N, C-alpha and C. Protein backbone atom coordinates (compact mmCIF):
# COMPACT_ATOMS: atom_id res chain seq x y z
N UNK A 1 35.08 -14.70 143.79
CA UNK A 1 36.74 -13.61 143.39
C UNK A 1 37.81 -13.37 144.44
N UNK A 2 37.27 -13.47 145.36
CA UNK A 2 38.12 -12.55 146.52
C UNK A 2 38.61 -14.61 146.98
N UNK A 3 37.41 -15.42 147.22
CA UNK A 3 38.10 -16.29 148.09
C UNK A 3 38.95 -17.28 147.11
N UNK A 4 38.89 -16.68 146.06
CA UNK A 4 39.75 -17.59 145.01
C UNK A 4 41.31 -17.09 144.61
N UNK A 5 41.22 -16.08 144.62
CA UNK A 5 42.56 -15.26 144.51
C UNK A 5 43.43 -15.55 146.43
N UNK A 6 42.69 -15.29 146.71
CA UNK A 6 43.50 -15.55 148.72
C UNK A 6 43.58 -16.95 148.30
N UNK A 7 43.04 -18.55 147.10
CA UNK A 7 43.23 -19.17 147.31
C UNK A 7 44.76 -19.60 146.77
N UNK A 8 44.65 -18.03 146.14
CA UNK A 8 46.48 -18.76 144.79
C UNK A 8 47.26 -18.85 145.47
N UNK A 9 47.54 -17.65 146.55
CA UNK A 9 47.74 -16.78 147.28
C UNK A 9 48.53 -17.61 148.03
N UNK A 10 47.99 -18.85 148.69
CA UNK A 10 48.31 -19.40 149.35
C UNK A 10 48.93 -20.40 149.31
N UNK A 11 49.06 -20.53 148.13
CA UNK A 11 49.86 -21.57 147.38
C UNK A 11 49.34 -22.57 146.86
N UNK A 12 48.08 -22.93 146.83
CA UNK A 12 47.29 -24.67 146.62
C UNK A 12 46.71 -23.83 145.33
N UNK A 13 46.77 -23.18 144.64
CA UNK A 13 46.26 -22.54 143.42
C UNK A 13 44.60 -22.70 142.80
N UNK A 14 44.25 -22.61 144.61
CA UNK A 14 42.62 -22.55 144.42
C UNK A 14 42.38 -24.54 144.45
N UNK A 15 42.87 -25.11 145.46
CA UNK A 15 42.82 -26.54 145.54
C UNK A 15 41.70 -26.36 146.27
N UNK A 16 40.66 -27.13 146.68
CA UNK A 16 40.32 -27.53 147.44
C UNK A 16 40.10 -29.44 147.65
N UNK A 17 39.95 -29.39 148.87
CA UNK A 17 39.56 -31.00 149.99
C UNK A 17 39.17 -31.78 149.49
N UNK A 18 38.44 -31.63 148.14
CA UNK A 18 37.64 -32.38 147.19
C UNK A 18 38.75 -32.64 146.61
N UNK A 19 40.06 -31.97 145.86
CA UNK A 19 40.49 -32.51 144.94
C UNK A 19 41.48 -32.75 145.65
N UNK A 20 41.70 -32.50 146.73
CA UNK A 20 42.93 -33.51 146.95
C UNK A 20 42.40 -35.16 147.36
N UNK A 21 40.90 -35.53 148.17
CA UNK A 21 40.39 -36.67 148.10
C UNK A 21 40.47 -37.43 146.78
N UNK A 22 40.72 -36.60 145.50
CA UNK A 22 40.34 -37.44 144.24
C UNK A 22 41.79 -37.97 144.19
N UNK A 23 42.59 -37.67 145.05
CA UNK A 23 44.35 -37.46 144.13
C UNK A 23 44.38 -38.53 145.14
N UNK A 24 44.13 -38.79 146.77
CA UNK A 24 44.61 -39.50 147.33
C UNK A 24 43.45 -41.31 147.40
N UNK A 25 42.72 -40.98 145.92
CA UNK A 25 41.59 -41.84 146.04
C UNK A 25 42.62 -42.71 144.91
N UNK A 26 42.92 -41.79 144.36
CA UNK A 26 43.82 -42.91 142.57
C UNK A 26 44.74 -43.15 143.16
N UNK A 27 45.36 -42.76 144.76
CA UNK A 27 46.68 -43.52 145.02
C UNK A 27 46.34 -44.56 145.80
N UNK A 28 44.72 -44.78 146.46
CA UNK A 28 44.68 -45.64 147.63
C UNK A 28 44.82 -46.91 146.94
N UNK A 29 45.47 -48.26 147.87
CA UNK A 29 45.51 -49.58 147.80
C UNK A 29 46.47 -49.42 146.84
N UNK A 30 47.60 -48.57 146.58
CA UNK A 30 49.18 -48.85 145.99
C UNK A 30 48.73 -48.88 144.37
N UNK A 31 47.21 -48.17 143.81
CA UNK A 31 47.06 -47.85 142.55
C UNK A 31 47.85 -46.49 141.85
N UNK A 32 47.99 -46.75 141.11
CA UNK A 32 48.85 -45.18 140.51
C UNK A 32 48.37 -44.75 138.97
N UNK A 33 48.48 -43.97 138.66
CA UNK A 33 47.98 -43.11 137.58
C UNK A 33 48.54 -44.02 136.10
N UNK A 34 47.89 -44.03 135.30
CA UNK A 34 48.99 -44.94 134.05
C UNK A 34 49.32 -46.13 133.96
N UNK A 35 50.21 -47.06 133.15
CA UNK A 35 50.34 -48.22 133.11
C UNK A 35 51.13 -48.35 134.43
N UNK A 36 51.28 -48.37 135.40
CA UNK A 36 52.30 -49.00 136.41
C UNK A 36 51.33 -49.67 137.11
N UNK A 37 52.06 -51.04 137.44
CA UNK A 37 51.77 -52.41 137.90
C UNK A 37 50.64 -51.69 139.82
N UNK A 38 49.99 -52.66 140.03
CA UNK A 38 49.78 -52.32 141.25
C UNK A 38 49.62 -52.06 142.44
N UNK A 39 50.68 -53.44 142.31
CA UNK A 39 51.93 -54.08 143.97
C UNK A 39 53.28 -53.68 143.04
N UNK A 40 54.21 -52.57 143.40
CA UNK A 40 54.94 -52.59 142.78
C UNK A 40 56.28 -52.62 143.54
N UNK A 41 57.55 -52.89 143.29
CA UNK A 41 58.35 -53.59 144.31
C UNK A 41 59.00 -52.30 144.99
N UNK A 42 59.82 -52.16 145.53
CA UNK A 42 60.95 -51.30 146.52
C UNK A 42 61.50 -50.12 146.06
N UNK A 43 61.95 -50.89 144.91
CA UNK A 43 62.64 -50.15 143.58
C UNK A 43 62.31 -49.24 143.12
N UNK A 44 60.38 -49.51 143.12
CA UNK A 44 59.97 -48.48 141.94
C UNK A 44 59.11 -47.99 142.58
N UNK A 45 59.73 -47.67 144.20
CA UNK A 45 58.89 -47.12 145.08
C UNK A 45 58.95 -45.40 144.38
N UNK A 46 60.11 -44.96 144.13
CA UNK A 46 60.29 -43.99 144.51
C UNK A 46 59.96 -42.81 143.30
N UNK A 47 60.70 -44.41 141.97
CA UNK A 47 59.59 -44.05 141.12
C UNK A 47 57.88 -43.26 140.85
N UNK A 48 57.50 -44.37 141.78
CA UNK A 48 56.02 -43.83 142.08
C UNK A 48 55.61 -42.79 142.34
N UNK A 49 56.65 -42.74 143.56
CA UNK A 49 56.23 -41.30 143.90
C UNK A 49 56.39 -39.82 143.13
N UNK A 50 57.37 -40.19 141.96
CA UNK A 50 57.71 -38.94 141.57
C UNK A 50 56.62 -38.91 140.31
N UNK A 51 56.21 -40.41 139.67
CA UNK A 51 54.98 -40.03 138.80
C UNK A 51 53.32 -39.27 139.62
N UNK A 52 53.46 -39.68 141.17
CA UNK A 52 53.12 -38.70 141.71
C UNK A 52 52.57 -37.14 142.02
N UNK A 53 53.45 -37.10 142.50
CA UNK A 53 53.75 -35.70 142.36
C UNK A 53 53.93 -34.95 140.43
N UNK A 54 55.05 -35.73 140.10
CA UNK A 54 54.12 -35.31 138.62
C UNK A 54 52.74 -35.41 138.36
N UNK A 55 52.08 -35.41 138.80
CA UNK A 55 51.11 -35.68 138.21
C UNK A 55 50.07 -34.67 139.35
N UNK A 56 50.50 -34.82 140.57
CA UNK A 56 49.80 -33.40 141.54
C UNK A 56 50.34 -32.37 140.77
N UNK A 57 51.52 -31.79 141.06
CA UNK A 57 51.43 -30.45 139.93
C UNK A 57 50.63 -30.45 139.27
N UNK A 58 50.77 -31.73 137.79
CA UNK A 58 50.09 -31.14 136.48
C UNK A 58 48.76 -31.29 137.17
N UNK A 59 47.69 -31.98 137.71
CA UNK A 59 46.41 -31.26 137.99
C UNK A 59 46.64 -30.28 138.57
N UNK A 60 47.40 -29.59 139.73
CA UNK A 60 47.36 -28.14 140.26
C UNK A 60 47.64 -27.21 139.04
N UNK A 61 48.98 -27.45 137.95
CA UNK A 61 49.15 -25.99 136.73
C UNK A 61 47.46 -27.31 136.50
N UNK A 62 46.77 -27.59 135.76
CA UNK A 62 45.79 -27.49 135.32
C UNK A 62 44.43 -26.89 136.13
N UNK A 63 44.30 -27.40 137.48
CA UNK A 63 43.63 -26.78 137.65
C UNK A 63 43.58 -25.01 138.68
N UNK A 64 44.84 -25.07 138.05
CA UNK A 64 45.18 -22.74 138.29
C UNK A 64 45.16 -23.13 136.93
N UNK A 65 45.87 -23.56 136.16
CA UNK A 65 45.27 -23.25 134.37
C UNK A 65 43.85 -22.88 133.98
N UNK A 66 42.77 -23.48 134.70
CA UNK A 66 41.40 -23.38 134.79
C UNK A 66 41.33 -22.20 135.52
N UNK A 67 41.75 -21.82 137.17
CA UNK A 67 41.40 -21.01 138.19
C UNK A 67 41.59 -19.36 136.86
N UNK A 68 42.92 -19.39 136.31
CA UNK A 68 43.01 -18.55 135.47
C UNK A 68 42.21 -17.97 133.90
N UNK A 69 41.49 -19.21 133.87
CA UNK A 69 40.75 -19.38 132.75
C UNK A 69 39.33 -18.48 132.93
N UNK A 70 38.75 -19.54 134.13
CA UNK A 70 37.49 -18.58 135.27
C UNK A 70 37.50 -17.40 135.17
N UNK A 71 39.03 -16.71 135.89
CA UNK A 71 38.76 -14.93 136.54
C UNK A 71 39.14 -14.53 135.00
N UNK A 72 39.49 -14.97 134.26
CA UNK A 72 39.44 -13.94 132.84
C UNK A 72 38.27 -13.78 132.24
N UNK A 73 37.40 -14.83 132.04
CA UNK A 73 36.58 -14.71 131.29
C UNK A 73 35.43 -14.46 132.73
N UNK A 74 35.86 -14.32 134.28
CA UNK A 74 35.03 -12.90 134.95
C UNK A 74 35.14 -11.81 134.61
N UNK A 75 36.73 -11.93 133.94
CA UNK A 75 37.18 -10.62 134.48
C UNK A 75 36.78 -9.59 133.00
N UNK A 76 36.28 -10.69 132.06
CA UNK A 76 35.75 -10.06 131.06
C UNK A 76 34.59 -9.61 131.18
N UNK A 77 33.88 -11.06 131.53
CA UNK A 77 32.63 -10.08 132.17
C UNK A 77 32.10 -9.04 132.82
N UNK A 78 33.23 -8.88 134.07
CA UNK A 78 33.06 -7.68 134.67
C UNK A 78 33.56 -6.51 134.00
N UNK A 79 34.89 -6.37 132.87
CA UNK A 79 34.69 -5.59 131.69
C UNK A 79 33.34 -4.69 131.00
N UNK A 80 33.35 -6.46 130.33
CA UNK A 80 31.95 -6.04 129.30
C UNK A 80 30.24 -5.36 130.29
N UNK A 81 30.26 -6.02 131.34
CA UNK A 81 29.56 -5.15 132.69
C UNK A 81 29.79 -3.76 132.61
N UNK A 82 31.20 -3.39 132.74
CA UNK A 82 31.77 -2.23 133.36
C UNK A 82 32.16 -1.24 131.84
N UNK A 83 31.70 -1.69 129.94
CA UNK A 83 31.61 -1.33 129.43
C UNK A 83 30.04 -0.78 129.27
N UNK A 84 28.99 -1.84 129.14
CA UNK A 84 27.49 -1.47 129.34
C UNK A 84 26.97 -0.66 130.26
N UNK A 85 27.42 -0.75 132.09
CA UNK A 85 27.28 0.33 132.79
C UNK A 85 27.71 1.70 132.12
N UNK A 86 29.40 1.63 131.45
CA UNK A 86 29.76 2.89 131.13
C UNK A 86 28.69 3.86 129.34
N UNK A 87 28.57 3.08 128.91
CA UNK A 87 27.65 3.18 127.57
C UNK A 87 26.41 3.53 128.05
N UNK A 88 25.21 2.82 129.23
CA UNK A 88 24.18 3.41 129.66
C UNK A 88 24.41 4.66 130.39
N UNK A 89 25.68 4.91 131.20
CA UNK A 89 25.99 6.22 131.51
C UNK A 89 25.99 7.16 130.33
N UNK A 90 26.84 6.85 129.62
CA UNK A 90 27.05 7.95 128.56
C UNK A 90 25.95 8.53 127.88
N UNK A 91 25.13 7.37 127.80
CA UNK A 91 23.64 7.80 126.89
C UNK A 91 22.65 7.87 128.03
N UNK A 92 22.73 7.88 129.51
CA UNK A 92 22.38 8.95 130.08
C UNK A 92 22.66 10.12 130.68
N UNK A 93 24.24 10.43 130.21
CA UNK A 93 24.33 11.75 130.44
C UNK A 93 24.43 12.32 129.44
N UNK A 94 24.02 11.46 128.08
CA UNK A 94 24.47 12.49 126.64
C UNK A 94 22.77 13.62 127.20
N UNK A 95 21.64 12.54 127.10
CA UNK A 95 20.56 12.22 127.32
C UNK A 95 19.60 13.56 128.44
N UNK A 96 20.64 13.38 129.10
CA UNK A 96 20.71 14.70 130.56
C UNK A 96 21.04 16.39 129.64
N UNK A 97 22.44 15.95 128.94
CA UNK A 97 23.34 17.02 128.51
C UNK A 97 21.88 17.41 127.47
N UNK A 98 21.22 16.74 126.20
CA UNK A 98 20.09 17.32 126.17
C UNK A 98 19.08 17.72 126.28
N UNK A 99 18.68 17.31 127.31
CA UNK A 99 17.48 17.62 128.66
C UNK A 99 17.73 19.10 129.15
N UNK A 100 19.47 18.76 129.90
CA UNK A 100 19.45 20.25 129.99
C UNK A 100 19.34 21.80 128.90
N UNK A 101 19.90 20.94 127.60
CA UNK A 101 19.89 21.76 126.30
C UNK A 101 18.70 22.16 126.49
N UNK A 102 18.11 21.51 125.95
CA UNK A 102 16.63 21.90 126.00
C UNK A 102 16.39 22.38 127.00
N UNK A 103 16.11 22.38 128.19
CA UNK A 103 15.64 23.19 129.49
C UNK A 103 16.28 24.60 129.24
N UNK A 104 17.68 25.05 129.25
CA UNK A 104 18.59 26.26 128.60
C UNK A 104 17.72 26.59 128.12
N UNK A 105 17.61 26.33 127.28
CA UNK A 105 16.85 27.12 125.40
C UNK A 105 16.24 27.32 125.81
N UNK A 106 14.42 26.59 126.22
CA UNK A 106 13.41 26.96 126.75
C UNK A 106 13.60 27.52 127.28
N UNK A 107 13.73 28.37 129.23
CA UNK A 107 14.47 28.89 129.62
C UNK A 107 14.94 30.46 128.95
N UNK A 108 15.74 30.14 128.29
CA UNK A 108 16.11 31.30 127.40
C UNK A 108 15.47 31.89 126.43
N UNK A 109 14.83 30.92 125.71
CA UNK A 109 13.50 31.31 124.51
C UNK A 109 12.61 32.45 126.23
N UNK A 110 11.86 31.44 126.95
CA UNK A 110 10.55 32.00 128.00
C UNK A 110 11.57 33.59 128.34
N UNK A 111 12.66 33.83 128.84
CA UNK A 111 13.35 34.61 129.66
C UNK A 111 13.11 35.91 127.99
N UNK A 112 13.53 35.54 127.69
CA UNK A 112 13.92 36.34 126.05
C UNK A 112 12.78 36.79 125.69
N UNK A 113 11.16 35.80 125.49
CA UNK A 113 9.58 36.46 125.75
C UNK A 113 9.19 37.21 126.35
N UNK A 114 9.59 37.25 127.84
CA UNK A 114 9.31 37.95 128.86
C UNK A 114 9.78 39.48 128.78
N UNK A 115 10.66 39.22 129.02
CA UNK A 115 11.70 40.01 128.06
C UNK A 115 11.81 41.68 127.02
N UNK A 116 10.68 40.45 126.41
CA UNK A 116 10.70 41.35 125.24
C UNK A 116 8.45 41.39 125.22
N UNK A 117 7.84 41.12 126.15
CA UNK A 117 6.77 41.19 126.37
C UNK A 117 6.92 42.29 127.56
N UNK A 118 7.74 42.37 128.26
CA UNK A 118 7.57 43.54 129.09
C UNK A 118 8.13 44.87 128.68
N UNK A 119 9.26 44.55 128.03
CA UNK A 119 9.61 45.69 126.85
C UNK A 119 8.59 46.63 126.42
N UNK A 120 7.39 45.53 125.30
CA UNK A 120 7.03 46.23 124.56
C UNK A 120 5.52 46.51 125.47
N UNK A 121 5.36 46.05 126.87
CA UNK A 121 4.48 46.95 127.52
C UNK A 121 5.58 48.47 128.95
N UNK A 122 6.63 48.10 128.64
CA UNK A 122 7.08 49.17 128.68
C UNK A 122 6.74 50.75 128.18
N UNK A 123 6.88 49.76 127.11
CA UNK A 123 6.77 51.24 126.37
C UNK A 123 5.62 52.23 126.01
N UNK A 124 4.75 50.42 125.67
CA UNK A 124 3.05 51.36 125.93
C UNK A 124 2.79 52.72 127.11
N UNK A 125 3.17 51.68 127.77
CA UNK A 125 3.27 52.97 129.08
C UNK A 125 4.07 53.71 129.63
N UNK A 126 4.84 53.83 128.69
CA UNK A 126 5.64 55.50 128.58
C UNK A 126 5.09 56.02 127.14
N UNK A 127 4.39 55.97 125.99
CA UNK A 127 3.47 56.05 125.27
C UNK A 127 2.33 56.88 126.45
N UNK A 128 1.40 56.27 126.47
CA UNK A 128 0.63 56.74 127.64
C UNK A 128 1.00 57.58 128.63
N UNK A 129 1.78 57.42 129.43
CA UNK A 129 1.96 58.20 129.81
C UNK A 129 2.05 59.83 129.44
N UNK A 130 3.41 59.67 128.15
CA UNK A 130 3.21 60.66 127.40
C UNK A 130 2.15 61.46 126.80
N UNK A 131 1.11 60.99 126.89
CA UNK A 131 -0.43 61.05 126.47
C UNK A 131 -1.18 61.49 127.10
N UNK A 132 -0.57 61.12 128.55
CA UNK A 132 -1.33 61.71 129.79
C UNK A 132 -0.58 63.28 130.26
N UNK A 133 1.08 63.03 130.17
CA UNK A 133 1.39 64.43 130.34
C UNK A 133 1.16 65.37 129.48
N UNK A 134 0.82 65.23 128.26
CA UNK A 134 0.65 65.67 126.92
C UNK A 134 -0.91 66.56 127.30
N UNK A 135 -1.70 65.64 128.09
CA UNK A 135 -3.20 66.28 128.38
C UNK A 135 -3.17 67.48 129.86
N UNK A 136 -2.08 66.65 130.87
CA UNK A 136 -1.95 67.58 131.89
C UNK A 136 -1.55 68.90 131.59
N UNK A 137 -0.56 68.93 130.59
CA UNK A 137 0.28 70.66 130.05
C UNK A 137 -1.36 70.85 129.13
N UNK A 138 -1.61 70.33 128.35
CA UNK A 138 -3.04 70.86 127.42
C UNK A 138 -3.72 71.43 128.93
N UNK A 139 -4.42 70.66 129.72
CA UNK A 139 -5.61 71.17 130.47
C UNK A 139 -5.03 72.18 131.10
N UNK A 140 -3.43 72.45 131.46
CA UNK A 140 -3.27 73.39 132.57
C UNK A 140 -3.01 74.69 131.40
N UNK A 141 -2.68 74.21 130.44
CA UNK A 141 -2.74 75.88 129.58
C UNK A 141 -4.05 76.28 129.31
N UNK A 142 -5.27 75.21 129.05
CA UNK A 142 -6.72 75.77 129.63
C UNK A 142 -7.30 76.02 130.97
N UNK A 143 -6.10 76.02 131.58
CA UNK A 143 -7.08 76.28 133.30
C UNK A 143 -5.67 77.82 132.83
N UNK A 144 -5.23 78.47 132.67
CA UNK A 144 -3.91 79.05 132.90
C UNK A 144 -4.85 80.45 131.65
N UNK A 145 -5.21 80.00 130.44
CA UNK A 145 -5.79 80.57 129.68
C UNK A 145 -7.59 80.77 130.14
N UNK A 146 -8.31 79.87 131.14
CA UNK A 146 -9.48 80.17 131.31
C UNK A 146 -9.06 81.35 133.15
N UNK A 147 -8.17 80.88 133.38
CA UNK A 147 -7.37 81.66 134.94
C UNK A 147 -7.67 83.13 134.16
N UNK A 148 -6.78 83.55 132.63
CA UNK A 148 -6.90 85.01 132.19
C UNK A 148 -7.84 85.35 131.87
N UNK A 149 -8.53 84.55 131.14
CA UNK A 149 -10.15 85.26 130.99
C UNK A 149 -10.87 85.58 132.25
N UNK A 150 -10.68 84.51 133.53
CA UNK A 150 -12.00 85.29 134.43
C UNK A 150 -11.14 86.91 135.12
N UNK A 151 -9.81 86.54 134.68
CA UNK A 151 -9.40 87.87 135.21
C UNK A 151 -9.49 89.06 134.33
N UNK A 152 -9.81 88.18 133.29
CA UNK A 152 -9.49 89.75 132.19
C UNK A 152 -11.34 90.71 132.39
N UNK A 153 -12.30 89.37 132.89
CA UNK A 153 -13.75 89.25 133.35
C UNK A 153 -13.83 89.87 134.54
N UNK A 154 -13.58 89.27 135.25
CA UNK A 154 -13.12 89.97 136.71
C UNK A 154 -13.38 92.14 136.78
N UNK A 155 -12.11 92.26 135.65
CA UNK A 155 -11.72 93.78 135.39
C UNK A 155 -12.29 94.81 134.51
N UNK A 156 -13.04 93.70 133.44
CA UNK A 156 -14.93 94.15 132.94
C UNK A 156 -15.15 94.43 134.21
N UNK A 157 -15.43 93.13 134.64
CA UNK A 157 -16.76 93.55 135.82
C UNK A 157 -16.68 95.20 136.73
N UNK A 158 -14.50 94.97 137.66
CA UNK A 158 -14.75 96.67 137.63
C UNK A 158 -14.96 97.30 137.16
N UNK A 159 -14.34 97.45 136.41
CA UNK A 159 -14.97 99.07 134.76
C UNK A 159 -16.57 98.70 134.93
N UNK A 160 -17.10 98.07 135.02
CA UNK A 160 -18.38 98.28 134.40
C UNK A 160 -19.37 98.45 136.06
N UNK A 161 -18.85 97.75 136.83
CA UNK A 161 -19.28 98.63 138.30
C UNK A 161 -18.81 100.16 139.11
N UNK A 162 -17.51 100.57 138.08
CA UNK A 162 -17.29 102.15 138.21
C UNK A 162 -17.67 102.46 137.44
N UNK A 163 -18.12 102.37 136.42
CA UNK A 163 -19.48 103.20 134.70
C UNK A 163 -20.20 102.93 135.87
N UNK A 164 -21.26 101.53 136.57
CA UNK A 164 -22.74 101.37 137.33
C UNK A 164 -22.33 102.73 138.73
N UNK A 165 -21.11 103.10 138.83
CA UNK A 165 -21.24 104.10 140.05
C UNK A 165 -21.49 105.71 139.64
N UNK A 166 -20.34 105.70 138.96
CA UNK A 166 -20.36 106.94 137.80
C UNK A 166 -21.48 107.09 137.43
N UNK A 167 -22.07 105.89 136.89
CA UNK A 167 -23.70 106.34 136.35
C UNK A 167 -24.95 106.94 137.10
N UNK A 168 -24.78 105.65 138.17
CA UNK A 168 -25.28 106.13 139.11
C UNK A 168 -25.66 107.98 140.23
N UNK A 169 -23.99 107.92 140.23
CA UNK A 169 -23.56 109.40 140.56
C UNK A 169 -24.43 110.33 139.69
N UNK A 170 -24.12 110.56 138.02
CA UNK A 170 -24.56 111.30 137.12
C UNK A 170 -25.99 111.20 137.81
N UNK A 171 -27.08 110.18 137.83
CA UNK A 171 -28.47 110.04 137.97
C UNK A 171 -28.43 110.65 138.74
N UNK A 172 -27.76 111.05 139.98
CA UNK A 172 -28.25 111.73 140.86
C UNK A 172 -28.18 112.90 140.80
N UNK A 173 -26.96 113.31 140.34
CA UNK A 173 -26.68 114.73 140.61
C UNK A 173 -27.66 115.20 139.18
N UNK A 174 -27.86 114.87 137.94
CA UNK A 174 -29.28 115.19 136.82
C UNK A 174 -30.36 115.01 138.13
N UNK A 175 -31.23 114.18 138.85
CA UNK A 175 -32.38 114.56 139.77
C UNK A 175 -32.19 115.35 140.51
N UNK A 176 -30.81 115.73 141.03
CA UNK A 176 -30.70 116.82 141.76
C UNK A 176 -30.94 117.69 141.09
N UNK A 177 -30.53 118.31 140.17
CA UNK A 177 -30.81 119.51 139.05
C UNK A 177 -32.07 119.56 138.93
N UNK A 178 -32.62 118.59 138.06
CA UNK A 178 -34.19 118.24 138.20
C UNK A 178 -34.45 118.83 138.88
N UNK A 179 -34.99 118.69 139.79
CA UNK A 179 -35.21 119.10 141.59
C UNK A 179 -34.82 120.14 141.66
N UNK A 180 -33.87 121.08 141.92
CA UNK A 180 -33.90 122.46 141.74
C UNK A 180 -34.74 123.30 140.39
N UNK A 181 -34.46 122.65 139.32
CA UNK A 181 -35.00 123.12 138.12
C UNK A 181 -36.71 123.28 138.41
N UNK A 182 -37.02 122.13 139.27
CA UNK A 182 -38.66 122.56 139.79
C UNK A 182 -38.41 123.48 140.32
N UNK A 183 -37.70 123.14 141.22
CA UNK A 183 -38.02 124.29 142.76
C UNK A 183 -37.95 125.32 142.40
N UNK A 184 -36.75 125.95 141.08
CA UNK A 184 -37.31 127.72 141.08
C UNK A 184 -38.28 127.47 139.56
N UNK A 185 -38.36 126.90 139.13
CA UNK A 185 -39.93 127.25 138.11
C UNK A 185 -41.15 127.32 139.03
N UNK A 186 -40.64 126.85 140.30
CA UNK A 186 -41.89 126.86 140.74
C UNK A 186 -42.45 128.00 141.72
N UNK A 187 -41.11 128.37 142.08
CA UNK A 187 -40.89 129.95 142.37
C UNK A 187 -40.66 131.28 141.66
N UNK A 188 -40.53 130.58 140.77
CA UNK A 188 -40.92 131.67 138.93
C UNK A 188 -42.25 131.73 139.09
N UNK A 189 -42.95 130.65 139.50
CA UNK A 189 -44.24 130.56 138.75
C UNK A 189 -45.23 131.76 140.29
N UNK A 190 -44.42 131.32 140.99
CA UNK A 190 -45.51 131.72 141.94
C UNK A 190 -45.42 133.32 141.95
N UNK A 191 -43.81 133.63 142.04
CA UNK A 191 -43.73 134.98 142.13
C UNK A 191 -44.03 135.69 141.30
N UNK A 192 -44.62 135.12 139.77
CA UNK A 192 -45.17 135.53 138.49
C UNK A 192 -46.41 135.45 139.03
N UNK A 193 -46.86 134.52 139.88
CA UNK A 193 -48.87 134.72 140.40
C UNK A 193 -48.85 135.26 141.22
N UNK A 194 -47.76 136.32 142.51
CA UNK A 194 -47.69 137.13 143.36
C UNK A 194 -47.93 138.24 142.63
N UNK A 195 -47.06 138.91 141.21
CA UNK A 195 -46.94 139.83 140.53
C UNK A 195 -48.37 139.86 139.98
N UNK A 196 -48.91 139.31 139.27
CA UNK A 196 -50.37 139.48 138.63
C UNK A 196 -51.26 139.54 139.84
N UNK A 197 -51.18 138.93 140.81
CA UNK A 197 -52.21 139.51 142.37
C UNK A 197 -51.72 141.26 141.90
N UNK A 198 -50.94 141.16 142.36
CA UNK A 198 -50.31 143.47 142.62
C UNK A 198 -51.04 143.49 141.40
N UNK A 199 -50.92 143.15 140.16
CA UNK A 199 -51.54 144.55 139.08
C UNK A 199 -53.35 144.45 138.83
N UNK A 200 -53.88 142.82 139.72
CA UNK A 200 -55.09 142.99 139.72
C UNK A 200 -55.45 144.31 140.84
N UNK A 201 -54.72 143.84 141.85
CA UNK A 201 -55.48 144.92 143.27
C UNK A 201 -55.06 146.02 143.02
N UNK A 202 -53.82 146.56 142.12
CA UNK A 202 -53.76 148.23 141.71
C UNK A 202 -54.87 148.38 140.92
N UNK A 203 -55.16 147.64 139.86
CA UNK A 203 -55.98 147.97 138.72
C UNK A 203 -57.77 147.89 139.28
N UNK A 204 -57.69 147.10 140.63
CA UNK A 204 -58.50 147.61 140.95
C UNK A 204 -58.95 148.51 141.61
N UNK A 205 -57.76 149.05 142.55
CA UNK A 205 -57.87 150.35 143.02
C UNK A 205 -58.04 151.41 142.46
N UNK A 206 -57.72 151.56 140.83
CA UNK A 206 -57.69 152.37 140.46
C UNK A 206 -58.68 152.99 139.69
N UNK A 207 -59.34 151.44 140.01
CA UNK A 207 -60.70 151.32 139.09
C UNK A 207 -61.63 152.06 140.46
N UNK A 208 -61.03 152.34 140.94
CA UNK A 208 -62.35 152.49 142.59
C UNK A 208 -62.11 154.09 142.77
N UNK A 209 -60.81 154.48 142.36
CA UNK A 209 -60.62 155.91 141.81
C UNK A 209 -61.67 156.48 141.42
């Protein structure tokens, strides 16, 4: 296409050496195009040259017309190819858009599903944490009650120890009193025994008298 355009711009309208050889062959040996005689008189030479020039111009115009027609067909083919390429590109672009839309929708759905799953998991974890906090509060309350009961038991134990000490002291006092009472009774018996002995001795002395 470039060579043809450059040939037209050079002024020969795409006419090559072979075209000129045909023209030369047609006029060689005094032959003329049409019904002119083979040998012309000198007065007819100018007319023959004019006819040849007209034929050359006609041939050039014919060649130029053919070249233009060829270029038109080539241009039409290029346009047709361009339309096909544009159509293919449009279809490809539409397919890519549809694919991108599907991928985007799929990614969006996957993100929404993931967010829903994470939200559900977080809600479950929050519920579990709340249950654990409730159990911790329950254990803390139980520990506080157990501590209170332990302190109360310790207080009762201290009171019992105090009472035990008091009872032990009372027992010691009772033991001392019992011991003193026994000692007093023993001494009383001894005194009574001594008194009886004295009475018997006095009676025996009186009887002796």
